[in-house]
C-alpha atoms as a PDB file:
ATOM      1  CA  MET A   1      -1.942 -64.053 -28.760  1.00  0.00           C
ATOM      2  CA  VAL A   2      -2.080 -66.132 -25.591  1.00  0.00           C
ATOM      3  CA  LEU A   3      -2.695 -69.279 -27.640  1.00  0.00           C
ATOM      4  CA  ALA A   4       0.467 -68.477 -29.603  1.00  0.00           C
ATOM      5  CA  ALA A   5       2.366 -68.315 -26.313  1.00  0.00           C
ATOM      6  CA  LEU A   6       0.988 -71.723 -25.334  1.00  0.00           C
ATOM      7  CA  LEU A   7       2.122 -73.077 -28.693  1.00  0.00           C
ATOM      8  CA  LEU A   8       5.652 -71.823 -28.083  1.00  0.00           C
ATOM      9  CA  VAL A   9       5.789 -73.231 -24.567  1.00  0.00           C
ATOM     10  CA  SER A  10       4.508 -76.613 -25.713  1.00  0.00           C
ATOM     11  CA  ALA A  11       6.826 -76.766 -28.756  1.00  0.00           C
ATOM     12  CA  CYS A  12       9.645 -78.196 -26.613  1.00  0.00           C
ATOM     13  CA  ASP A  13       7.445 -80.841 -25.020  1.00  0.00           C
ATOM     14  CA  ALA A  14       6.231 -84.192 -26.309  1.00  0.00           C
ATOM     15  CA  VAL A  15       2.687 -82.880 -25.730  1.00  0.00           C
ATOM     16  CA  GLN A  16       1.911 -80.241 -28.342  1.00  0.00           C
ATOM     17  CA  ILE A  17      -0.997 -78.185 -29.589  1.00  0.00           C
ATOM     18  CA  VAL A  18      -1.341 -79.048 -33.268  1.00  0.00           C
ATOM     19  CA  GLU A  19      -4.322 -76.792 -33.923  1.00  0.00           C
ATOM     20  CA  GLY A  20      -6.460 -74.590 -31.735  1.00  0.00           C
ATOM     21  CA  SER A  21      -9.038 -71.832 -31.605  1.00  0.00           C
ATOM     22  CA  ASP A  22     -11.713 -70.586 -29.227  1.00  0.00           C
ATOM     23  CA  THR A  23     -13.931 -73.555 -30.230  1.00  0.00           C
ATOM     24  CA  HIS A  24     -11.510 -76.499 -30.331  1.00  0.00           C
ATOM     25  CA  VAL A  25      -7.990 -77.740 -29.697  1.00  0.00           C
ATOM     26  CA  SER A  26      -6.067 -80.687 -31.143  1.00  0.00           C
ATOM     27  CA  ILE A  27      -3.235 -82.175 -29.082  1.00  0.00           C
ATOM     28  CA  ARG A  28      -0.398 -84.481 -30.165  1.00  0.00           C
ATOM     29  CA  TYR A  29       1.228 -86.630 -27.486  1.00  0.00           C
ATOM     30  CA  ASP A  30       3.624 -89.562 -27.469  1.00  0.00           C
ATOM     31  CA  GLY A  31       1.767 -91.861 -25.091  1.00  0.00           C
ATOM     32  CA  ILE A  32       5.041 -93.026 -23.570  1.00  0.00           C
ATOM     33  CA  MET A  33       6.509 -90.258 -21.435  1.00  0.00           C
ATOM     34  CA  ASN A  34       3.437 -88.062 -21.791  1.00  0.00           C
ATOM     35  CA  GLY A  35       0.035 -89.649 -21.896  1.00  0.00           C
ATOM     36  CA  PHE A  36      -3.588 -88.707 -22.272  1.00  0.00           C
ATOM     37  CA  ASP A  37      -3.657 -86.973 -18.865  1.00  0.00           C
ATOM     38  CA  GLN A  38      -0.973 -84.508 -19.954  1.00  0.00           C
ATOM     39  CA  ALA A  39      -2.780 -83.940 -23.261  1.00  0.00           C
ATOM     40  CA  THR A  40      -5.983 -83.204 -21.354  1.00  0.00           C
ATOM     41  CA  GLN A  41      -4.198 -80.742 -19.057  1.00  0.00           C
ATOM     42  CA  LEU A  42      -2.798 -78.841 -22.037  1.00  0.00           C
ATOM     43  CA  ALA A  43      -6.233 -78.786 -23.701  1.00  0.00           C
ATOM     44  CA  GLN A  44      -7.787 -77.443 -20.486  1.00  0.00           C
ATOM     45  CA  LYS A  45      -5.209 -74.632 -20.386  1.00  0.00           C
ATOM     46  CA  ALA A  46      -5.774 -73.766 -24.057  1.00  0.00           C
ATOM     47  CA  CYS A  47      -9.562 -73.630 -23.640  1.00  0.00           C
ATOM     48  CA  ALA A  48      -9.310 -71.731 -20.341  1.00  0.00           C
ATOM     49  CA  VAL A  49      -7.675 -68.850 -22.221  1.00  0.00           C
ATOM     50  CA  HIS A  50     -11.104 -68.372 -23.819  1.00  0.00           C
ATOM     51  CA  GLY A  51     -13.030 -68.914 -20.561  1.00  0.00           C
ATOM     52  CA  LYS A  52     -14.043 -72.426 -21.629  1.00  0.00           C
ATOM     53  CA  THR A  53     -13.506 -76.031 -20.592  1.00  0.00           C
ATOM     54  CA  ALA A  54     -12.069 -78.790 -22.807  1.00  0.00           C
ATOM     55  CA  LYS A  55     -14.434 -81.667 -23.619  1.00  0.00           C
ATOM     56  CA  LEU A  56     -12.961 -84.712 -25.381  1.00  0.00           C
ATOM     57  CA  ARG A  57     -14.383 -85.277 -28.864  1.00  0.00           C
ATOM     58  CA  ARG A  58     -12.198 -88.244 -29.928  1.00  0.00           C
ATOM     59  CA  THR A  59      -8.722 -89.751 -29.898  1.00  0.00           C
ATOM     60  CA  TYR A  60      -6.669 -91.103 -32.772  1.00  0.00           C
ATOM     61  CA  TYR A  61      -3.549 -93.299 -32.926  1.00  0.00           C
ATOM     62  CA  GLU A  62      -1.235 -93.222 -35.927  1.00  0.00           C
ATOM     63  CA  GLY A  63       1.728 -95.447 -36.659  1.00  0.00           C
ATOM     64  CA  LEU A  64       3.223 -98.663 -35.414  1.00  0.00           C
ATOM     65  CA  GLY A  65       4.774 -99.234 -32.038  1.00  0.00           C
ATOM     66  CA  ALA A  66       5.410 -95.922 -30.295  1.00  0.00           C
ATOM     67  CA  GLY A  67       3.545 -93.934 -32.988  1.00  0.00           C
ATOM     68  CA  GLU A  68       1.809 -90.636 -32.440  1.00  0.00           C
ATOM     69  CA  ARG A  69      -1.401 -90.137 -30.568  1.00  0.00           C
ATOM     70  CA  PHE A  70      -3.839 -87.285 -31.032  1.00  0.00           C
ATOM     71  CA  ALA A  71      -6.677 -86.047 -28.862  1.00  0.00           C
ATOM     72  CA  PHE A  72      -9.326 -83.684 -30.186  1.00  0.00           C
ATOM     73  CA  PHE A  73     -11.230 -81.480 -27.762  1.00  0.00           C
ATOM     74  CA  ASP A  74     -14.106 -79.032 -28.086  1.00  0.00           C
ATOM     75  CA  CYS A  75     -13.882 -75.867 -25.991  1.00  0.00           C
ATOM     76  CA  VAL A  76     -17.283 -75.475 -24.340  1.00  0.00           C
END
């Protein structure tokens, strides 16, 4: 339920939760106005809901130029 609220809050932002659970969270960010630091902050908030801390698993860049960036975190 709380994760759903985080999804709604982040839906208007360039940093968004794409997928999440109590074990992991995937974040999409633009890398221009909102970078990796903002993605990490959102992942920390999403994992904190479950009493866990976000640990980066990997990042991924898709597209040319501005493209989309993704960061994948484990909640540990």
